[in-house]
All heavy atoms as atom14 arrays in JSON, in Angstrom:
{
  "sequence": "NCGRCVPCREGSTQLVTLLRNVYDGEYDNGKIRE",
  "atom14_mask": [
    [1, 1, 1, 1, 1, 1, 1, 1, 0, 0, 0, 0, 0, 0],
    [1, 1, 1, 1, 1, 1, 0, 0, 0, 0, 0, 0, 0, 0],
    [1, 1, 1, 1, 0, 0, 0, 0, 0, 0, 0, 0, 0, 0],
    [1, 1, 1, 1, 1, 1, 1, 1, 1, 1, 1, 0, 0, 0],
    [1, 1, 1, 1, 1, 1, 0, 0, 0, 0, 0, 0, 0, 0],
    [1, 1, 1, 1, 1, 1, 1, 0, 0, 0, 0, 0, 0, 0],
    [1, 1, 1, 1, 1, 1, 1, 0, 0, 0, 0, 0, 0, 0],
    [1, 1, 1, 1, 1, 1, 0, 0, 0, 0, 0, 0, 0, 0],
    [1, 1, 1, 1, 1, 1, 1, 1, 1, 1, 1, 0, 0, 0],
    [1, 1, 1, 1, 1, 1, 1, 1, 1, 0, 0, 0, 0, 0],
    [1, 1, 1, 1, 0, 0, 0, 0, 0, 0, 0, 0, 0, 0],
    [1, 1, 1, 1, 1, 1, 0, 0, 0, 0, 0, 0, 0, 0],
    [1, 1, 1, 1, 1, 1, 1, 0, 0, 0, 0, 0, 0, 0],
    [1, 1, 1, 1, 1, 1, 1, 1, 1, 0, 0, 0, 0, 0],
    [1, 1, 1, 1, 1, 1, 1, 1, 0, 0, 0, 0, 0, 0],
    [1, 1, 1, 1, 1, 1, 1, 0, 0, 0, 0, 0, 0, 0],
    [1, 1, 1, 1, 1, 1, 1, 0, 0, 0, 0, 0, 0, 0],
    [1, 1, 1, 1, 1, 1, 1, 1, 0, 0, 0, 0, 0, 0],
    [1, 1, 1, 1, 1, 1, 1, 1, 0, 0, 0, 0, 0, 0],
    [1, 1, 1, 1, 1, 1, 1, 1, 1, 1, 1, 0, 0, 0],
    [1, 1, 1, 1, 1, 1, 1, 1, 0, 0, 0, 0, 0, 0],
    [1, 1, 1, 1, 1, 1, 1, 0, 0, 0, 0, 0, 0, 0],
    [1, 1, 1, 1, 1, 1, 1, 1, 1, 1, 1, 1, 0, 0],
    [1, 1, 1, 1, 1, 1, 1, 1, 0, 0, 0, 0, 0, 0],
    [1, 1, 1, 1, 0, 0, 0, 0, 0, 0, 0, 0, 0, 0],
    [1, 1, 1, 1, 1, 1, 1, 1, 1, 0, 0, 0, 0, 0],
    [1, 1, 1, 1, 1, 1, 1, 1, 1, 1, 1, 1, 0, 0],
    [1, 1, 1, 1, 1, 1, 1, 1, 0, 0, 0, 0, 0, 0],
    [1, 1, 1, 1, 1, 1, 1, 1, 0, 0, 0, 0, 0, 0],
    [1, 1, 1, 1, 0, 0, 0, 0, 0, 0, 0, 0, 0, 0],
    [1, 1, 1, 1, 1, 1, 1, 1, 1, 0, 0, 0, 0, 0],
    [1, 1, 1, 1, 1, 1, 1, 1, 0, 0, 0, 0, 0, 0],
    [1, 1, 1, 1, 1, 1, 1, 1, 1, 1, 1, 0, 0, 0],
    [1, 1, 1, 1, 1, 1, 1, 1, 1, 0, 0, 0, 0, 0]
  ],
  "atom14_positions": [
    [[0.51, 8.58, 12.18], [0.68, 8.11, 10.79], [-0.63, 7.53, 10.28], [-1.52, 7.17, 11.04], [1.81, 7.08, 10.7], [1.44, 5.76, 11.4], [0.75, 4.91, 10.84], [1.94, 5.61, 12.63], [0.0, 0.0, 0.0], [0.0, 0.0, 0.0], [0.0, 0.0, 0.0], [0.0, 0.0, 0.0], [0.0, 0.0, 0.0], [0.0, 0.0, 0.0]],
    [[-0.75, 7.5, 8.94], [-2.03, 7.07, 8.32], [-2.26, 5.58, 8.41], [-3.4, 5.11, 8.27], [-2.1, 7.55, 6.88], [-1.11, 6.56, 5.71], [0.0, 0.0, 0.0], [0.0, 0.0, 0.0], [0.0, 0.0, 0.0], [0.0, 0.0, 0.0], [0.0, 0.0, 0.0], [0.0, 0.0, 0.0], [0.0, 0.0, 0.0], [0.0, 0.0, 0.0]],
    [[-1.2, 4.77, 8.62], [-1.35, 3.36, 8.79], [-1.29, 2.56, 7.51], [-1.4, 1.32, 7.56], [0.0, 0.0, 0.0], [0.0, 0.0, 0.0], [0.0, 0.0, 0.0], [0.0, 0.0, 0.0], [0.0, 0.0, 0.0], [0.0, 0.0, 0.0], [0.0, 0.0, 0.0], [0.0, 0.0, 0.0], [0.0, 0.0, 0.0], [0.0, 0.0, 0.0]],
    [[-1.1, 3.19, 6.36], [-1.14, 2.45, 5.12], [0.06, 1.53, 4.91], [-0.11, 0.36, 4.57], [-1.26, 3.38, 3.92], [-1.13, 2.64, 2.6], [-1.44, 3.43, 1.38], [-1.3, 2.6, 0.2], [-1.74, 2.92, -0.99], [-2.37, 4.06, -1.18], [-1.56, 2.12, -2.02], [0.0, 0.0, 0.0], [0.0, 0.0, 0.0], [0.0, 0.0, 0.0]],
    [[1.26, 2.07, 5.09], [2.44, 1.26, 4.75], [3.12, 0.74, 6.01], [3.2, 1.42, 7.04], [3.39, 2.03, 3.85], [4.3, 3.36, 4.64], [0.0, 0.0, 0.0], [0.0, 0.0, 0.0], [0.0, 0.0, 0.0], [0.0, 0.0, 0.0], [0.0, 0.0, 0.0], [0.0, 0.0, 0.0], [0.0, 0.0, 0.0], [0.0, 0.0, 0.0]],
    [[3.63, -0.48, 5.9], [4.26, -1.13, 7.04], [5.53, -0.4, 7.52], [5.73, -0.25, 8.73], [4.61, -2.6, 6.68], [5.44, -3.25, 7.79], [3.32, -3.39, 6.47], [0.0, 0.0, 0.0], [0.0, 0.0, 0.0], [0.0, 0.0, 0.0], [0.0, 0.0, 0.0], [0.0, 0.0, 0.0], [0.0, 0.0, 0.0], [0.0, 0.0, 0.0]],
    [[6.43, 0.05, 6.63], [7.65, 0.71, 7.12], [7.38, 1.89, 8.05], [8.1, 2.07, 9.02], [8.35, 1.13, 5.83], [7.85, 0.21, 4.79], [6.41, -0.07, 5.16], [0.0, 0.0, 0.0], [0.0, 0.0, 0.0], [0.0, 0.0, 0.0], [0.0, 0.0, 0.0], [0.0, 0.0, 0.0], [0.0, 0.0, 0.0], [0.0, 0.0, 0.0]],
    [[6.34, 2.66, 7.73], [6.02, 3.81, 8.58], [5.22, 3.38, 9.82], [5.55, 3.75, 10.96], [5.2, 4.85, 7.79], [4.71, 6.29, 8.74], [0.0, 0.0, 0.0], [0.0, 0.0, 0.0], [0.0, 0.0, 0.0], [0.0, 0.0, 0.0], [0.0, 0.0, 0.0], [0.0, 0.0, 0.0], [0.0, 0.0, 0.0], [0.0, 0.0, 0.0]],
    [[4.17, 2.6, 9.59], [3.3, 2.21, 10.71], [4.05, 1.41, 11.78], [4.01, 1.74, 12.97], [2.13, 1.37, 10.17], [1.11, 0.98, 11.23], [0.02, 0.1, 10.66], [0.52, -1.23, 10.26], [0.49, -1.71, 9.04], [0.02, -0.96, 8.05], [0.95, -2.92, 8.78], [0.0, 0.0, 0.0], [0.0, 0.0, 0.0], [0.0, 0.0, 0.0]],
    [[4.75, 0.36, 11.36], [5.46, -0.48, 12.3], [6.82, 0.12, 12.67], [7.25, 0.01, 13.82], [5.65, -1.88, 11.72], [4.34, -2.61, 11.39], [3.46, -2.75, 12.62], [3.98, -2.96, 13.72], [2.22, -2.66, 12.47], [0.0, 0.0, 0.0], [0.0, 0.0, 0.0], [0.0, 0.0, 0.0], [0.0, 0.0, 0.0], [0.0, 0.0, 0.0]],
    [[7.44, 0.76, 11.7], [8.74, 1.34, 11.98], [8.71, 2.42, 13.01], [9.59, 2.49, 13.92], [0.0, 0.0, 0.0], [0.0, 0.0, 0.0], [0.0, 0.0, 0.0], [0.0, 0.0, 0.0], [0.0, 0.0, 0.0], [0.0, 0.0, 0.0], [0.0, 0.0, 0.0], [0.0, 0.0, 0.0], [0.0, 0.0, 0.0], [0.0, 0.0, 0.0]],
    [[7.7, 3.29, 12.96], [7.62, 4.37, 13.97], [7.38, 3.82, 15.36], [7.91, 4.33, 16.35], [6.54, 5.36, 13.57], [5.27, 4.73, 13.45], [0.0, 0.0, 0.0], [0.0, 0.0, 0.0], [0.0, 0.0, 0.0], [0.0, 0.0, 0.0], [0.0, 0.0, 0.0], [0.0, 0.0, 0.0], [0.0, 0.0, 0.0], [0.0, 0.0, 0.0]],
    [[6.58, 2.75, 15.44], [6.35, 2.12, 16.75], [7.63, 1.46, 17.28], [7.95, 1.59, 18.47], [5.24, 1.04, 16.62], [4.03, 1.66, 16.17], [4.97, 0.37, 17.96], [0.0, 0.0, 0.0], [0.0, 0.0, 0.0], [0.0, 0.0, 0.0], [0.0, 0.0, 0.0], [0.0, 0.0, 0.0], [0.0, 0.0, 0.0], [0.0, 0.0, 0.0]],
    [[8.34, 0.8, 16.41], [9.61, 0.18, 16.84], [10.64, 1.24, 17.23], [11.43, 1.05, 18.15], [10.18, -0.69, 15.71], [9.34, -1.91, 15.41], [9.85, -2.67, 14.2], [11.05, -2.58, 13.84], [8.97, -3.42, 13.54], [0.0, 0.0, 0.0], [0.0, 0.0, 0.0], [0.0, 0.0, 0.0], [0.0, 0.0, 0.0], [0.0, 0.0, 0.0]],
    [[10.59, 2.39, 16.54], [11.51, 3.47, 16.88], [11.26, 3.98, 18.28], [12.21, 4.25, 19.04], [11.39, 4.59, 15.85], [12.4, 5.73, 15.92], [13.82, 5.22, 15.75], [12.1, 6.8, 14.86], [0.0, 0.0, 0.0], [0.0, 0.0, 0.0], [0.0, 0.0, 0.0], [0.0, 0.0, 0.0], [0.0, 0.0, 0.0], [0.0, 0.0, 0.0]],
    [[10.01, 4.13, 18.64], [9.66, 4.57, 20.01], [10.17, 3.54, 21.03], [10.73, 3.92, 22.08], [8.13, 4.77, 20.15], [7.75, 4.98, 21.6], [7.68, 5.94, 19.3], [0.0, 0.0, 0.0], [0.0, 0.0, 0.0], [0.0, 0.0, 0.0], [0.0, 0.0, 0.0], [0.0, 0.0, 0.0], [0.0, 0.0, 0.0], [0.0, 0.0, 0.0]],
    [[10.0, 2.28, 20.72], [10.47, 1.23, 21.62], [11.97, 1.28, 21.82], [12.48, 1.16, 22.94], [10.07, -0.15, 21.08], [8.63, -0.25, 20.98], [10.59, -1.28, 21.98], [0.0, 0.0, 0.0], [0.0, 0.0, 0.0], [0.0, 0.0, 0.0], [0.0, 0.0, 0.0], [0.0, 0.0, 0.0], [0.0, 0.0, 0.0], [0.0, 0.0, 0.0]],
    [[12.71, 1.48, 20.72], [14.18, 1.53, 20.81], [14.62, 2.75, 21.63], [15.63, 2.7, 22.38], [14.79, 1.6, 19.43], [14.69, 0.29, 18.61], [15.22, 0.52, 17.2], [15.51, -0.8, 19.29], [0.0, 0.0, 0.0], [0.0, 0.0, 0.0], [0.0, 0.0, 0.0], [0.0, 0.0, 0.0], [0.0, 0.0, 0.0], [0.0, 0.0, 0.0]],
    [[13.87, 3.85, 21.55], [14.25, 5.03, 22.35], [13.88, 4.82, 23.82], [14.6, 5.27, 24.72], [13.52, 6.26, 21.8], [14.03, 6.77, 20.44], [13.19, 7.93, 19.93], [15.49, 7.19, 20.53], [0.0, 0.0, 0.0], [0.0, 0.0, 0.0], [0.0, 0.0, 0.0], [0.0, 0.0, 0.0], [0.0, 0.0, 0.0], [0.0, 0.0, 0.0]],
    [[12.79, 4.1, 24.07], [12.47, 3.79, 25.48], [13.54, 2.88, 26.07], [13.82, 2.95, 27.27], [11.09, 3.1, 25.53], [9.93, 4.08, 25.34], [8.61, 3.36, 25.32], [7.49, 4.3, 25.23], [6.27, 3.95, 24.85], [6.02, 2.71, 24.5], [5.32, 4.88, 24.8], [0.0, 0.0, 0.0], [0.0, 0.0, 0.0], [0.0, 0.0, 0.0]],
    [[14.08, 2.01, 25.22], [15.15, 1.13, 25.7], [16.35, 1.91, 26.2], [17.1, 1.45, 27.08], [15.58, 0.16, 24.61], [14.52, -0.89, 24.29], [13.54, -1.05, 25.06], [14.65, -1.58, 23.17], [0.0, 0.0, 0.0], [0.0, 0.0, 0.0], [0.0, 0.0, 0.0], [0.0, 0.0, 0.0], [0.0, 0.0, 0.0], [0.0, 0.0, 0.0]],
    [[16.58, 3.07, 25.6], [17.7, 3.91, 26.04], [17.54, 4.25, 27.51], [18.5, 4.2, 28.31], [17.81, 5.19, 25.17], [18.9, 6.12, 25.74], [18.13, 4.86, 23.73], [0.0, 0.0, 0.0], [0.0, 0.0, 0.0], [0.0, 0.0, 0.0], [0.0, 0.0, 0.0], [0.0, 0.0, 0.0], [0.0, 0.0, 0.0], [0.0, 0.0, 0.0]],
    [[16.34, 4.6, 27.9], [16.08, 4.93, 29.31], [16.22, 3.69, 30.21], [16.4, 3.83, 31.41], [14.68, 5.52, 29.45], [14.57, 6.94, 28.9], [14.31, 7.17, 27.57], [14.72, 8.04, 29.76], [14.22, 8.47, 27.06], [14.64, 9.34, 29.26], [14.4, 9.54, 27.9], [14.29, 10.81, 27.43], [0.0, 0.0, 0.0], [0.0, 0.0, 0.0]],
    [[16.08, 2.52, 29.6], [16.24, 1.28, 30.38], [17.67, 0.75, 30.39], [17.93, -0.34, 30.89], [15.3, 0.19, 29.82], [13.82, 0.52, 30.05], [13.54, 1.26, 31.01], [12.97, 0.05, 29.26], [0.0, 0.0, 0.0], [0.0, 0.0, 0.0], [0.0, 0.0, 0.0], [0.0, 0.0, 0.0], [0.0, 0.0, 0.0], [0.0, 0.0, 0.0]],
    [[18.56, 1.53, 29.77], [19.97, 1.15, 29.82], [20.52, 0.57, 28.54], [21.7, 0.15, 28.52], [0.0, 0.0, 0.0], [0.0, 0.0, 0.0], [0.0, 0.0, 0.0], [0.0, 0.0, 0.0], [0.0, 0.0, 0.0], [0.0, 0.0, 0.0], [0.0, 0.0, 0.0], [0.0, 0.0, 0.0], [0.0, 0.0, 0.0], [0.0, 0.0, 0.0]],
    [[19.75, 0.5, 27.47], [20.23, -0.11, 26.23], [20.16, 0.89, 25.07], [19.09, 1.27, 24.62], [19.37, -1.34, 25.86], [19.83, -2.01, 24.58], [18.94, -3.16, 24.16], [18.01, -3.49, 24.92], [19.16, -3.71, 23.06], [0.0, 0.0, 0.0], [0.0, 0.0, 0.0], [0.0, 0.0, 0.0], [0.0, 0.0, 0.0], [0.0, 0.0, 0.0]],
    [[21.3, 1.32, 24.62], [21.39, 2.25, 23.49], [22.05, 1.52, 22.35], [23.26, 1.28, 22.33], [22.18, 3.51, 23.87], [22.53, 4.39, 22.69], [21.56, 4.78, 21.76], [23.84, 4.85, 22.48], [21.88, 5.58, 20.69], [24.15, 5.65, 21.43], [23.18, 6.03, 20.53], [23.49, 6.83, 19.44], [0.0, 0.0, 0.0], [0.0, 0.0, 0.0]],
    [[21.25, 1.11, 21.35], [21.76, 0.34, 20.2], [21.77, 1.25, 18.99], [20.81, 1.35, 18.22], [20.85, -0.87, 19.95], [21.49, -1.86, 19.0], [22.26, -1.43, 18.12], [21.21, -3.08, 19.11], [0.0, 0.0, 0.0], [0.0, 0.0, 0.0], [0.0, 0.0, 0.0], [0.0, 0.0, 0.0], [0.0, 0.0, 0.0], [0.0, 0.0, 0.0]],
    [[22.89, 1.98, 18.82], [23.03, 2.92, 17.73], [22.78, 2.28, 16.37], [22.04, 2.8, 15.53], [24.43, 3.51, 17.78], [24.7, 4.56, 16.7], [24.57, 4.27, 15.51], [25.13, 5.75, 17.1], [0.0, 0.0, 0.0], [0.0, 0.0, 0.0], [0.0, 0.0, 0.0], [0.0, 0.0, 0.0], [0.0, 0.0, 0.0], [0.0, 0.0, 0.0]],
    [[23.4, 1.1, 16.13], [23.26, 0.44, 14.85], [21.86, 0.03, 14.49], [21.4, 0.19, 13.37], [0.0, 0.0, 0.0], [0.0, 0.0, 0.0], [0.0, 0.0, 0.0], [0.0, 0.0, 0.0], [0.0, 0.0, 0.0], [0.0, 0.0, 0.0], [0.0, 0.0, 0.0], [0.0, 0.0, 0.0], [0.0, 0.0, 0.0], [0.0, 0.0, 0.0]],
    [[21.15, -0.5, 15.49], [19.77, -0.94, 15.22], [18.86, 0.25, 14.92], [18.0, 0.19, 14.03], [19.23, -1.73, 16.44], [17.87, -2.33, 16.23], [17.41, -3.15, 17.42], [18.24, -4.42, 17.55], [17.7, -5.3, 18.64], [0.0, 0.0, 0.0], [0.0, 0.0, 0.0], [0.0, 0.0, 0.0], [0.0, 0.0, 0.0], [0.0, 0.0, 0.0]],
    [[19.04, 1.35, 15.62], [18.24, 2.54, 15.38], [18.51, 3.09, 14.0], [17.58, 3.42, 13.26], [18.51, 3.63, 16.46], [18.02, 3.19, 17.83], [17.82, 4.96, 16.07], [18.39, 4.13, 18.96], [0.0, 0.0, 0.0], [0.0, 0.0, 0.0], [0.0, 0.0, 0.0], [0.0, 0.0, 0.0], [0.0, 0.0, 0.0], [0.0, 0.0, 0.0]],
    [[19.78, 3.15, 13.62], [20.1, 3.7, 12.29], [19.6, 2.78, 11.16], [19.19, 3.26, 10.12], [21.61, 3.91, 12.19], [22.11, 5.05, 13.08], [23.51, 5.49, 12.76], [23.9, 6.6, 13.6], [23.56, 7.87, 13.39], [22.82, 8.16, 12.32], [23.96, 8.83, 14.2], [0.0, 0.0, 0.0], [0.0, 0.0, 0.0], [0.0, 0.0, 0.0]],
    [[19.65, 1.48, 11.36], [19.18, 0.57, 10.32], [17.65, 0.7, 10.17], [17.12, 0.71, 9.05], [19.56, -0.87, 10.66], [19.0, -1.92, 9.7], [19.44, -1.72, 8.26], [20.43, -0.98, 8.02], [18.81, -2.32, 7.36], [0.0, 0.0, 0.0], [0.0, 0.0, 0.0], [0.0, 0.0, 0.0], [0.0, 0.0, 0.0], [0.0, 0.0, 0.0]]
  ]
}
């Protein structure tokens, strides 16, 4: 991402973290969708 806007820059990083959490045993459907 280009880094300009917070929703994309930080959101994409948080999305990766939430998907990694799935492998660690935590699947939070609601948090990912929000």
